[in-house]
Amino acid sequence: MRSAQEPNRNGGLMTPSPRPRNQSQFQSTVSVQKNRRFNILILVVRFATFCFSLASAIFMFTNSRGSGSPQWYHFDAFRFVAIAAAIVALYSLFEIGASVWEISRGATVFPEVVQVWFDFSHDQVFAYMLLSADSAGTALARTLREIDTCTANNAFCVQSDISVALGFAGFMFLGFSSLLSGFRVVCFILNGSRFHM
């Protein structure tokens, strides 16, 4: 491979031709715009995860009808749904703040390698936690319907079903967020940066 200042056959020096200035500016502008759109997409998905998880937790925490009716905290599966949804809502709130920070400052909260792996690993862990909690809540809701608990306390069962359904919606958005953060991990491994350009 020739060096940049190696003489050519005619005796002159070979110098690399510089890239036209407008082309590099255009490519960097397009790259910045694509990365900004990608970061905004992540922010929207994380906000949707926060909204659905918070709504699921609120519906479950407020599912109390009085002294004669069942309470949500009497059932292990419903406690799991409420706590898992609350944890995911708090995590999503932190990630919303991190996304806003990245969009506004152009840098991550943690060092880039830590941020990429932090997002991906926590998205995975919390998605599986939310899925398992909502699966347990669904199984309990079916059992309560089979033993006629819901005929006497229909409002309790309906509110439990709504909470579990909102939790599943939160899981779907968290799963999509996990795919996006996984894409960033792959970009980081291949390019040394979380950006795909």
N, C-alpha and C. Protein backbone atom coordinates (compact mmCIF):
# COMPACT_ATOMS: atom_id res chain seq x y z
N MET A 1 0.85 -1.17 0.00
CA MET A 1 0.00 0.00 0.00
C MET A 1 0.89 1.23 0.00
N ARG A 2 0.61 2.18 -0.84
CA ARG A 2 1.43 3.37 -0.95
C ARG A 2 1.09 4.36 0.14
N SER A 3 2.10 5.07 0.59
CA SER A 3 1.83 6.15 1.54
C SER A 3 1.31 7.35 0.78
N ALA A 4 0.76 8.29 1.50
CA ALA A 4 0.12 9.44 0.86
C ALA A 4 1.12 10.33 0.14
N GLN A 5 2.37 10.39 0.58
CA GLN A 5 3.37 11.28 -0.02
C GLN A 5 4.37 10.53 -0.89
N GLU A 6 4.07 9.33 -1.33
CA GLU A 6 4.97 8.53 -2.16
C GLU A 6 5.01 9.10 -3.57
N PRO A 7 6.19 9.15 -4.18
CA PRO A 7 6.26 9.69 -5.55
C PRO A 7 5.62 8.73 -6.53
N ASN A 8 4.98 9.29 -7.53
CA ASN A 8 4.39 8.43 -8.56
C ASN A 8 5.38 8.20 -9.68
N ARG A 9 4.99 7.55 -10.76
CA ARG A 9 5.91 7.17 -11.84
C ARG A 9 6.46 8.39 -12.58
N ASN A 10 5.75 9.47 -12.61
CA ASN A 10 6.19 10.65 -13.35
C ASN A 10 7.09 11.56 -12.51
N GLY A 11 7.35 11.20 -11.26
CA GLY A 11 8.25 11.99 -10.43
C GLY A 11 7.52 12.96 -9.50
N GLY A 12 6.23 13.19 -9.65
CA GLY A 12 5.50 14.09 -8.77
C GLY A 12 5.04 13.36 -7.51
N LEU A 13 4.62 14.10 -6.54
CA LEU A 13 4.12 13.50 -5.30
C LEU A 13 2.64 13.22 -5.43
N MET A 14 2.24 12.06 -4.92
CA MET A 14 0.82 11.71 -4.91
C MET A 14 0.22 12.16 -3.59
N THR A 15 -0.82 12.90 -3.66
CA THR A 15 -1.53 13.30 -2.44
C THR A 15 -2.96 12.83 -2.56
N PRO A 16 -3.54 12.42 -1.46
CA PRO A 16 -4.93 11.96 -1.54
C PRO A 16 -5.84 13.12 -1.91
N SER A 17 -6.82 12.82 -2.74
CA SER A 17 -7.75 13.88 -3.12
C SER A 17 -8.72 14.13 -1.98
N PRO A 18 -8.86 15.37 -1.57
CA PRO A 18 -9.77 15.65 -0.46
C PRO A 18 -11.22 15.48 -0.88
N ARG A 19 -12.05 15.07 0.06
CA ARG A 19 -13.47 14.91 -0.19
C ARG A 19 -14.08 16.31 -0.37
N PRO A 20 -14.95 16.49 -1.34
CA PRO A 20 -15.58 17.80 -1.49
C PRO A 20 -16.27 18.22 -0.20
N ARG A 21 -16.12 19.47 0.13
CA ARG A 21 -16.60 19.94 1.43
C ARG A 21 -18.11 19.81 1.57
N ASN A 22 -18.85 20.11 0.52
CA ASN A 22 -20.31 20.02 0.59
C ASN A 22 -20.78 18.59 0.81
N GLN A 23 -20.09 17.62 0.22
CA GLN A 23 -20.50 16.23 0.37
C GLN A 23 -20.35 15.78 1.81
N SER A 24 -19.23 16.10 2.48
CA SER A 24 -19.05 15.67 3.87
C SER A 24 -20.04 16.39 4.78
N GLN A 25 -20.31 17.65 4.51
CA GLN A 25 -21.30 18.36 5.32
C GLN A 25 -22.68 17.75 5.12
N PHE A 26 -23.01 17.39 3.88
CA PHE A 26 -24.31 16.79 3.61
C PHE A 26 -24.43 15.46 4.32
N GLN A 27 -23.38 14.62 4.24
CA GLN A 27 -23.44 13.32 4.89
C GLN A 27 -23.55 13.46 6.40
N SER A 28 -22.83 14.41 6.99
CA SER A 28 -22.92 14.56 8.45
C SER A 28 -24.29 15.11 8.84
N THR A 29 -24.88 15.99 8.03
CA THR A 29 -26.20 16.52 8.33
C THR A 29 -27.25 15.42 8.25
N VAL A 30 -27.17 14.59 7.21
CA VAL A 30 -28.10 13.47 7.07
C VAL A 30 -27.92 12.50 8.23
N SER A 31 -26.68 12.22 8.59
CA SER A 31 -26.41 11.31 9.70
C SER A 31 -26.97 11.84 11.01
N VAL A 32 -26.78 13.13 11.25
CA VAL A 32 -27.29 13.74 12.48
C VAL A 32 -28.82 13.69 12.49
N GLN A 33 -29.45 13.96 11.36
CA GLN A 33 -30.91 13.93 11.30
C GLN A 33 -31.44 12.51 11.52
N LYS A 34 -30.79 11.50 10.93
CA LYS A 34 -31.23 10.12 11.13
C LYS A 34 -31.08 9.70 12.60
N ASN A 35 -29.97 10.06 13.20
CA ASN A 35 -29.76 9.71 14.60
C ASN A 35 -30.75 10.43 15.50
N ARG A 36 -31.07 11.67 15.17
CA ARG A 36 -32.05 12.41 15.96
C ARG A 36 -33.43 11.77 15.84
N ARG A 37 -33.82 11.37 14.63
CA ARG A 37 -35.11 10.69 14.45
C ARG A 37 -35.14 9.36 15.21
N PHE A 38 -34.03 8.63 15.17
CA PHE A 38 -33.95 7.36 15.89
C PHE A 38 -34.08 7.59 17.39
N ASN A 39 -33.42 8.62 17.91
CA ASN A 39 -33.51 8.93 19.34
C ASN A 39 -34.92 9.38 19.72
N ILE A 40 -35.59 10.11 18.84
CA ILE A 40 -36.97 10.53 19.11
C ILE A 40 -37.90 9.32 19.09
N LEU A 41 -37.66 8.37 18.19
CA LEU A 41 -38.45 7.13 18.17
C LEU A 41 -38.29 6.37 19.48
N ILE A 42 -37.06 6.27 19.96
CA ILE A 42 -36.82 5.60 21.24
C ILE A 42 -37.54 6.34 22.36
N LEU A 43 -37.51 7.67 22.34
CA LEU A 43 -38.19 8.47 23.36
C LEU A 43 -39.70 8.21 23.34
N VAL A 44 -40.30 8.16 22.17
CA VAL A 44 -41.74 7.92 22.05
C VAL A 44 -42.10 6.52 22.58
N VAL A 45 -41.30 5.53 22.23
CA VAL A 45 -41.57 4.16 22.68
C VAL A 45 -41.42 4.06 24.20
N ARG A 46 -40.41 4.71 24.74
CA ARG A 46 -40.21 4.69 26.20
C ARG A 46 -41.35 5.43 26.91
N PHE A 47 -41.83 6.51 26.31
CA PHE A 47 -42.95 7.24 26.91
C PHE A 47 -44.21 6.38 26.90
N ALA A 48 -44.46 5.65 25.81
CA ALA A 48 -45.61 4.75 25.75
C ALA A 48 -45.48 3.64 26.80
N THR A 49 -44.27 3.10 26.97
CA THR A 49 -44.05 2.09 28.01
C THR A 49 -44.36 2.66 29.38
N PHE A 50 -43.90 3.87 29.64
CA PHE A 50 -44.16 4.52 30.92
C PHE A 50 -45.66 4.70 31.16
N CYS A 51 -46.37 5.18 30.16
CA CYS A 51 -47.81 5.44 30.32
C CYS A 51 -48.58 4.14 30.61
N PHE A 52 -48.33 3.10 29.83
CA PHE A 52 -49.06 1.85 30.03
C PHE A 52 -48.69 1.18 31.35
N SER A 53 -47.42 1.20 31.71
CA SER A 53 -47.00 0.57 32.97
C SER A 53 -47.54 1.34 34.17
N LEU A 54 -47.50 2.65 34.10
CA LEU A 54 -48.03 3.45 35.20
C LEU A 54 -49.54 3.24 35.34
N ALA A 55 -50.25 3.21 34.22
CA ALA A 55 -51.69 2.97 34.26
C ALA A 55 -52.00 1.59 34.83
N SER A 56 -51.20 0.59 34.45
CA SER A 56 -51.40 -0.76 35.00
C SER A 56 -51.20 -0.78 36.50
N ALA A 57 -50.15 -0.13 36.97
CA ALA A 57 -49.89 -0.09 38.41
C ALA A 57 -51.00 0.66 39.14
N ILE A 58 -51.45 1.77 38.60
CA ILE A 58 -52.51 2.55 39.25
C ILE A 58 -53.81 1.76 39.32
N PHE A 59 -54.17 1.09 38.21
CA PHE A 59 -55.40 0.30 38.22
C PHE A 59 -55.33 -0.82 39.26
N MET A 60 -54.15 -1.44 39.41
CA MET A 60 -54.05 -2.52 40.38
C MET A 60 -53.99 -1.99 41.81
N PHE A 61 -53.24 -0.92 42.04
CA PHE A 61 -53.13 -0.37 43.40
C PHE A 61 -54.46 0.18 43.91
N THR A 62 -55.32 0.63 43.01
CA THR A 62 -56.61 1.20 43.43
C THR A 62 -57.75 0.19 43.35
N ASN A 63 -57.43 -1.08 43.19
CA ASN A 63 -58.46 -2.11 43.04
C ASN A 63 -58.91 -2.63 44.40
N SER A 64 -59.57 -1.80 45.15
CA SER A 64 -60.13 -2.18 46.45
C SER A 64 -61.57 -1.69 46.51
N ARG A 65 -62.50 -2.55 46.88
CA ARG A 65 -63.91 -2.20 46.85
C ARG A 65 -64.55 -2.06 48.22
N GLY A 66 -63.93 -2.50 49.24
CA GLY A 66 -64.54 -2.44 50.57
C GLY A 66 -64.14 -3.66 51.38
N SER A 67 -64.66 -3.75 52.58
CA SER A 67 -64.23 -4.82 53.48
C SER A 67 -64.75 -6.20 53.06
N GLY A 68 -65.89 -6.28 52.41
CA GLY A 68 -66.45 -7.58 52.04
C GLY A 68 -65.92 -8.14 50.75
N SER A 69 -65.33 -7.31 49.92
CA SER A 69 -64.87 -7.78 48.61
C SER A 69 -63.38 -8.12 48.68
N PRO A 70 -62.90 -8.89 47.70
CA PRO A 70 -61.47 -9.24 47.71
C PRO A 70 -60.59 -8.01 47.46
N GLN A 71 -59.39 -8.04 47.99
CA GLN A 71 -58.43 -6.96 47.81
C GLN A 71 -57.28 -7.48 46.93
N TRP A 72 -56.71 -6.61 46.15
CA TRP A 72 -55.65 -7.03 45.24
C TRP A 72 -54.44 -7.59 45.98
N TYR A 73 -54.14 -7.06 47.15
CA TYR A 73 -52.95 -7.50 47.88
C TYR A 73 -53.15 -8.83 48.59
N HIS A 74 -54.34 -9.41 48.51
CA HIS A 74 -54.56 -10.76 49.05
C HIS A 74 -54.08 -11.84 48.09
N PHE A 75 -53.74 -11.46 46.85
CA PHE A 75 -53.35 -12.42 45.82
C PHE A 75 -51.91 -12.14 45.40
N ASP A 76 -51.07 -13.18 45.46
CA ASP A 76 -49.65 -13.02 45.11
C ASP A 76 -49.47 -12.54 43.67
N ALA A 77 -50.24 -13.09 42.75
CA ALA A 77 -50.07 -12.73 41.34
C ALA A 77 -50.42 -11.26 41.10
N PHE A 78 -51.46 -10.76 41.76
CA PHE A 78 -51.83 -9.35 41.58
C PHE A 78 -50.81 -8.42 42.24
N ARG A 79 -50.20 -8.86 43.34
CA ARG A 79 -49.11 -8.08 43.94
C ARG A 79 -47.93 -8.01 42.98
N PHE A 80 -47.64 -9.14 42.33
CA PHE A 80 -46.56 -9.20 41.35
C PHE A 80 -46.84 -8.26 40.18
N VAL A 81 -48.08 -8.24 39.70
CA VAL A 81 -48.45 -7.34 38.60
C VAL A 81 -48.26 -5.89 39.01
N ALA A 82 -48.75 -5.53 40.19
CA ALA A 82 -48.67 -4.14 40.65
C ALA A 82 -47.22 -3.69 40.83
N ILE A 83 -46.41 -4.51 41.48
CA ILE A 83 -45.01 -4.13 41.75
C ILE A 83 -44.20 -4.11 40.46
N ALA A 84 -44.39 -5.10 39.60
CA ALA A 84 -43.64 -5.14 38.34
C ALA A 84 -43.98 -3.94 37.47
N ALA A 85 -45.25 -3.59 37.38
CA ALA A 85 -45.66 -2.43 36.58
C ALA A 85 -45.07 -1.14 37.17
N ALA A 86 -45.06 -1.02 38.50
CA ALA A 86 -44.49 0.17 39.13
C ALA A 86 -42.98 0.27 38.88
N ILE A 87 -42.28 -0.85 38.96
CA ILE A 87 -40.84 -0.85 38.70
C ILE A 87 -40.54 -0.47 37.26
N VAL A 88 -41.30 -1.03 36.32
CA VAL A 88 -41.09 -0.70 34.91
C VAL A 88 -41.43 0.77 34.64
N ALA A 89 -42.45 1.30 35.31
CA ALA A 89 -42.78 2.72 35.14
C ALA A 89 -41.63 3.60 35.63
N LEU A 90 -41.05 3.26 36.76
CA LEU A 90 -39.91 4.04 37.27
C LEU A 90 -38.70 3.92 36.35
N TYR A 91 -38.42 2.72 35.88
CA TYR A 91 -37.31 2.53 34.94
C TYR A 91 -37.56 3.32 33.65
N SER A 92 -38.78 3.29 33.15
CA SER A 92 -39.10 4.02 31.92
C SER A 92 -38.98 5.52 32.12
N LEU A 93 -39.34 5.99 33.30
CA LEU A 93 -39.19 7.42 33.60
C LEU A 93 -37.71 7.81 33.57
N PHE A 94 -36.85 6.98 34.15
CA PHE A 94 -35.41 7.24 34.09
C PHE A 94 -34.93 7.25 32.65
N GLU A 95 -35.37 6.28 31.85
CA GLU A 95 -34.94 6.19 30.46
C GLU A 95 -35.48 7.35 29.61
N ILE A 96 -36.66 7.86 29.95
CA ILE A 96 -37.17 9.06 29.26
C ILE A 96 -36.24 10.22 29.53
N GLY A 97 -35.83 10.39 30.79
CA GLY A 97 -34.89 11.44 31.13
C GLY A 97 -33.56 11.27 30.40
N ALA A 98 -33.07 10.03 30.31
CA ALA A 98 -31.82 9.77 29.60
C ALA A 98 -31.97 10.07 28.10
N SER A 99 -33.13 9.76 27.53
CA SER A 99 -33.37 10.04 26.11
C SER A 99 -33.45 11.53 25.84
N VAL A 100 -34.12 12.26 26.72
CA VAL A 100 -34.21 13.71 26.56
C VAL A 100 -32.81 14.32 26.68
N TRP A 101 -32.03 13.82 27.63
CA TRP A 101 -30.65 14.29 27.80
C TRP A 101 -29.85 14.06 26.53
N GLU A 102 -29.98 12.86 25.96
CA GLU A 102 -29.22 12.53 24.75
C GLU A 102 -29.66 13.37 23.56
N ILE A 103 -30.95 13.61 23.43
CA ILE A 103 -31.43 14.42 22.31
C ILE A 103 -30.98 15.87 22.46
N SER A 104 -31.08 16.40 23.67
CA SER A 104 -30.75 17.82 23.87
C SER A 104 -29.25 18.09 23.92
N ARG A 105 -28.47 17.18 24.49
CA ARG A 105 -27.03 17.41 24.66
C ARG A 105 -26.16 16.70 23.64
N GLY A 106 -26.71 15.70 22.99
CA GLY A 106 -25.92 14.95 22.02
C GLY A 106 -24.95 13.97 22.66
N ALA A 107 -25.11 13.69 23.95
CA ALA A 107 -24.25 12.75 24.66
C ALA A 107 -25.10 11.91 25.59
N THR A 108 -24.57 10.76 25.97
CA THR A 108 -25.31 9.88 26.87
C THR A 108 -25.06 10.26 28.32
N VAL A 109 -25.93 9.81 29.21
CA VAL A 109 -25.79 10.08 30.64
C VAL A 109 -24.55 9.37 31.18
N PHE A 110 -24.41 8.09 30.86
CA PHE A 110 -23.24 7.31 31.23
C PHE A 110 -22.27 7.30 30.05
N PRO A 111 -21.05 6.81 30.23
CA PRO A 111 -20.18 6.61 29.06
C PRO A 111 -20.88 5.71 28.04
N GLU A 112 -20.56 5.92 26.78
CA GLU A 112 -21.33 5.29 25.70
C GLU A 112 -21.41 3.77 25.83
N VAL A 113 -20.30 3.11 26.12
CA VAL A 113 -20.32 1.65 26.21
C VAL A 113 -21.21 1.20 27.37
N VAL A 114 -21.18 1.91 28.47
CA VAL A 114 -22.01 1.57 29.62
C VAL A 114 -23.48 1.81 29.30
N GLN A 115 -23.78 2.95 28.66
CA GLN A 115 -25.17 3.30 28.33
C GLN A 115 -25.80 2.28 27.39
N VAL A 116 -25.06 1.86 26.38
CA VAL A 116 -25.58 0.90 25.40
C VAL A 116 -25.93 -0.42 26.07
N TRP A 117 -25.02 -0.95 26.86
CA TRP A 117 -25.27 -2.24 27.53
C TRP A 117 -26.26 -2.10 28.66
N PHE A 118 -26.27 -0.97 29.36
CA PHE A 118 -27.25 -0.72 30.43
C PHE A 118 -28.66 -0.75 29.86
N ASP A 119 -28.89 -0.01 28.77
CA ASP A 119 -30.22 0.04 28.17
C ASP A 119 -30.68 -1.34 27.71
N PHE A 120 -29.80 -2.03 27.00
CA PHE A 120 -30.19 -3.32 26.44
C PHE A 120 -30.47 -4.35 27.54
N SER A 121 -29.58 -4.45 28.51
CA SER A 121 -29.76 -5.47 29.55
C SER A 121 -30.98 -5.18 30.42
N HIS A 122 -31.18 -3.92 30.78
CA HIS A 122 -32.33 -3.60 31.63
C HIS A 122 -33.64 -3.72 30.86
N ASP A 123 -33.64 -3.37 29.59
CA ASP A 123 -34.85 -3.57 28.78
C ASP A 123 -35.23 -5.05 28.77
N GLN A 124 -34.23 -5.92 28.60
CA GLN A 124 -34.49 -7.36 28.57
C GLN A 124 -35.04 -7.85 29.91
N VAL A 125 -34.37 -7.49 30.99
CA VAL A 125 -34.76 -7.98 32.31
C VAL A 125 -36.17 -7.50 32.68
N PHE A 126 -36.43 -6.21 32.48
CA PHE A 126 -37.73 -5.68 32.87
C PHE A 126 -38.85 -6.15 31.95
N ALA A 127 -38.54 -6.39 30.68
CA ALA A 127 -39.56 -6.93 29.77
C ALA A 127 -39.97 -8.33 30.21
N TYR A 128 -39.00 -9.17 30.54
CA TYR A 128 -39.33 -10.52 30.99
C TYR A 128 -40.06 -10.49 32.33
N MET A 129 -39.66 -9.58 33.21
CA MET A 129 -40.35 -9.47 34.50
C MET A 129 -41.81 -9.07 34.31
N LEU A 130 -42.05 -8.09 33.44
CA LEU A 130 -43.41 -7.63 33.20
C LEU A 130 -44.24 -8.71 32.52
N LEU A 131 -43.64 -9.42 31.59
CA LEU A 131 -44.37 -10.51 30.92
C LEU A 131 -44.75 -11.61 31.90
N SER A 132 -43.82 -12.00 32.77
CA SER A 132 -44.13 -13.06 33.71
C SER A 132 -45.18 -12.61 34.74
N ALA A 133 -45.11 -11.35 35.16
CA ALA A 133 -46.12 -10.84 36.10
C ALA A 133 -47.50 -10.84 35.46
N ASP A 134 -47.59 -10.37 34.23
CA ASP A 134 -48.89 -10.30 33.56
C ASP A 134 -49.41 -11.69 33.21
N SER A 135 -48.52 -12.63 32.93
CA SER A 135 -48.96 -14.01 32.70
C SER A 135 -49.54 -14.61 33.98
N ALA A 136 -48.87 -14.35 35.09
CA ALA A 136 -49.39 -14.83 36.38
C ALA A 136 -50.73 -14.16 36.71
N GLY A 137 -50.85 -12.88 36.42
CA GLY A 137 -52.11 -12.17 36.64
C GLY A 137 -53.23 -12.70 35.77
N THR A 138 -52.92 -13.06 34.53
CA THR A 138 -53.93 -13.63 33.64
C THR A 138 -54.41 -14.98 34.15
N ALA A 139 -53.49 -15.81 34.60
CA ALA A 139 -53.87 -17.13 35.13
C ALA A 139 -54.76 -16.98 36.37
N LEU A 140 -54.41 -16.02 37.25
CA LEU A 140 -55.23 -15.81 38.44
C LEU A 140 -56.61 -15.26 38.07
N ALA A 141 -56.66 -14.35 37.11
CA ALA A 141 -57.96 -13.79 36.69
C ALA A 141 -58.87 -14.89 36.14
N ARG A 142 -58.30 -15.82 35.38
CA ARG A 142 -59.10 -16.96 34.87
C ARG A 142 -59.60 -17.83 36.01
N THR A 143 -58.73 -18.07 36.98
CA THR A 143 -59.12 -18.90 38.13
C THR A 143 -60.24 -18.23 38.91
N LEU A 144 -60.16 -16.93 39.11
CA LEU A 144 -61.21 -16.21 39.84
C LEU A 144 -62.54 -16.27 39.10
N ARG A 145 -62.51 -16.27 37.78
CA ARG A 145 -63.75 -16.37 37.02
C ARG A 145 -64.34 -17.78 37.11
N GLU A 146 -63.48 -18.78 37.20
CA GLU A 146 -63.96 -20.16 37.28
C GLU A 146 -64.59 -20.47 38.63
N ILE A 147 -64.12 -19.84 39.70
CA ILE A 147 -64.67 -20.14 41.03
C ILE A 147 -65.74 -19.13 41.44
N ASP A 148 -66.29 -18.43 40.49
CA ASP A 148 -67.41 -17.51 40.67
C ASP A 148 -67.12 -16.33 41.60
N THR A 149 -65.88 -15.97 41.75
CA THR A 149 -65.56 -14.76 42.51
C THR A 149 -66.03 -13.52 41.75
N CYS A 150 -65.99 -13.60 40.43
CA CYS A 150 -66.31 -12.43 39.61
C CYS A 150 -67.82 -12.19 39.49
N THR A 151 -68.64 -13.17 39.81
CA THR A 151 -70.08 -12.92 39.76
C THR A 151 -70.50 -12.03 40.93
N ALA A 152 -69.88 -12.24 42.07
CA ALA A 152 -70.21 -11.41 43.24
C ALA A 152 -69.48 -10.07 43.21
N ASN A 153 -68.26 -10.04 42.67
CA ASN A 153 -67.44 -8.82 42.65
C ASN A 153 -66.93 -8.57 41.23
N ASN A 154 -67.86 -8.25 40.34
CA ASN A 154 -67.50 -8.08 38.94
C ASN A 154 -66.56 -6.90 38.74
N ALA A 155 -66.76 -5.81 39.46
CA ALA A 155 -65.92 -4.62 39.29
C ALA A 155 -64.47 -4.93 39.64
N PHE A 156 -64.24 -5.74 40.67
CA PHE A 156 -62.88 -6.12 41.05
C PHE A 156 -62.20 -6.88 39.91
N CYS A 157 -62.91 -7.81 39.32
CA CYS A 157 -62.34 -8.62 38.24
C CYS A 157 -62.10 -7.79 36.98
N VAL A 158 -63.04 -6.90 36.67
CA VAL A 158 -62.87 -6.07 35.48
C VAL A 158 -61.65 -5.16 35.64
N GLN A 159 -61.50 -4.55 36.82
CA GLN A 159 -60.35 -3.67 37.03
C GLN A 159 -59.04 -4.46 37.03
N SER A 160 -59.06 -5.67 37.54
CA SER A 160 -57.86 -6.53 37.47
C SER A 160 -57.52 -6.88 36.04
N ASP A 161 -58.55 -7.20 35.25
CA ASP A 161 -58.32 -7.51 33.84
C ASP A 161 -57.74 -6.31 33.08
N ILE A 162 -58.26 -5.12 33.38
CA ILE A 162 -57.75 -3.91 32.73
C ILE A 162 -56.29 -3.69 33.10
N SER A 163 -55.95 -3.88 34.37
CA SER A 163 -54.57 -3.70 34.81
C SER A 163 -53.63 -4.68 34.10
N VAL A 164 -54.04 -5.92 33.99
CA VAL A 164 -53.21 -6.93 33.32
C VAL A 164 -53.07 -6.60 31.83
N ALA A 165 -54.16 -6.18 31.20
CA ALA A 165 -54.11 -5.83 29.78
C ALA A 165 -53.18 -4.64 29.54
N LEU A 166 -53.25 -3.63 30.40
CA LEU A 166 -52.35 -2.49 30.28
C LEU A 166 -50.90 -2.91 30.49
N GLY A 167 -50.69 -3.88 31.39
CA GLY A 167 -49.34 -4.40 31.59
C GLY A 167 -48.81 -5.10 30.34
N PHE A 168 -49.67 -5.85 29.65
CA PHE A 168 -49.24 -6.49 28.41
C PHE A 168 -48.91 -5.45 27.34
N ALA A 169 -49.68 -4.36 27.28
CA ALA A 169 -49.37 -3.30 26.33
C ALA A 169 -48.03 -2.65 26.67
N GLY A 170 -47.78 -2.45 27.96
CA GLY A 170 -46.48 -1.93 28.38
C GLY A 170 -45.35 -2.87 28.00
N PHE A 171 -45.60 -4.18 28.13
CA PHE A 171 -44.59 -5.16 27.72
C PHE A 171 -44.30 -5.07 26.23
N MET A 172 -45.34 -4.90 25.41
CA MET A 172 -45.13 -4.80 23.96
C MET A 172 -44.24 -3.62 23.62
N PHE A 173 -44.50 -2.47 24.23
CA PHE A 173 -43.66 -1.30 23.95
C PHE A 173 -42.25 -1.47 24.52
N LEU A 174 -42.14 -2.10 25.68
CA LEU A 174 -40.82 -2.36 26.24
C LEU A 174 -40.05 -3.37 25.38
N GLY A 175 -40.76 -4.34 24.82
CA GLY A 175 -40.12 -5.28 23.89
C GLY A 175 -39.61 -4.59 22.65
N PHE A 176 -40.40 -3.64 22.12
CA PHE A 176 -39.95 -2.88 20.95
C PHE A 176 -38.75 -2.01 21.32
N SER A 177 -38.78 -1.44 22.50
CA SER A 177 -37.64 -0.66 22.98
C SER A 177 -36.41 -1.54 23.12
N SER A 178 -36.61 -2.77 23.54
CA SER A 178 -35.49 -3.70 23.65
C SER A 178 -34.90 -4.02 22.28
N LEU A 179 -35.74 -4.11 21.27
CA LEU A 179 -35.23 -4.32 19.90
C LEU A 179 -34.39 -3.13 19.45
N LEU A 180 -34.86 -1.91 19.74
CA LEU A 180 -34.12 -0.72 19.35
C LEU A 180 -32.79 -0.63 20.10
N SER A 181 -32.80 -0.95 21.39
CA SER A 181 -31.54 -0.90 22.14
C SER A 181 -30.62 -2.05 21.70
N GLY A 182 -31.18 -3.17 21.29
CA GLY A 182 -30.37 -4.26 20.73
C GLY A 182 -29.72 -3.84 19.42
N PHE A 183 -30.45 -3.08 18.61
CA PHE A 183 -29.87 -2.54 17.38
C PHE A 183 -28.69 -1.63 17.70
N ARG A 184 -28.82 -0.84 18.76
CA ARG A 184 -27.71 0.03 19.16
C ARG A 184 -26.50 -0.79 19.64
N VAL A 185 -26.75 -1.89 20.33
CA VAL A 185 -25.64 -2.75 20.77
C VAL A 185 -24.91 -3.31 19.56
N VAL A 186 -25.66 -3.78 18.56
CA VAL A 186 -25.03 -4.33 17.36
C VAL A 186 -24.22 -3.25 16.65
N CYS A 187 -24.78 -2.04 16.54
CA CYS A 187 -24.03 -0.94 15.92
C CYS A 187 -22.77 -0.63 16.70
N PHE A 188 -22.87 -0.69 18.02
CA PHE A 188 -21.69 -0.42 18.85
C PHE A 188 -20.62 -1.49 18.65
N ILE A 189 -21.04 -2.74 18.55
CA ILE A 189 -20.08 -3.82 18.35
C ILE A 189 -19.41 -3.71 16.97
N LEU A 190 -20.20 -3.39 15.94
CA LEU A 190 -19.66 -3.33 14.58
C LEU A 190 -18.89 -2.05 14.28
N ASN A 191 -19.41 -0.90 14.76
CA ASN A 191 -18.85 0.39 14.39
C ASN A 191 -18.07 1.08 15.51
N GLY A 192 -18.21 0.60 16.72
CA GLY A 192 -17.59 1.28 17.84
C GLY A 192 -18.38 2.49 18.31
N SER A 193 -19.60 2.62 17.82
CA SER A 193 -20.47 3.73 18.20
C SER A 193 -21.91 3.24 18.20
N ARG A 194 -22.76 3.86 19.01
CA ARG A 194 -24.16 3.46 19.08
C ARG A 194 -24.94 3.90 17.86
N PHE A 195 -24.34 4.72 17.01
CA PHE A 195 -25.00 5.22 15.81
C PHE A 195 -24.72 4.29 14.64
N HIS A 196 -25.72 4.11 13.79
CA HIS A 196 -25.58 3.20 12.66
C HIS A 196 -24.96 3.85 11.45
N MET A 197 -24.68 5.14 11.48
CA MET A 197 -24.03 5.84 10.37
C MET A 197 -22.60 6.16 10.72
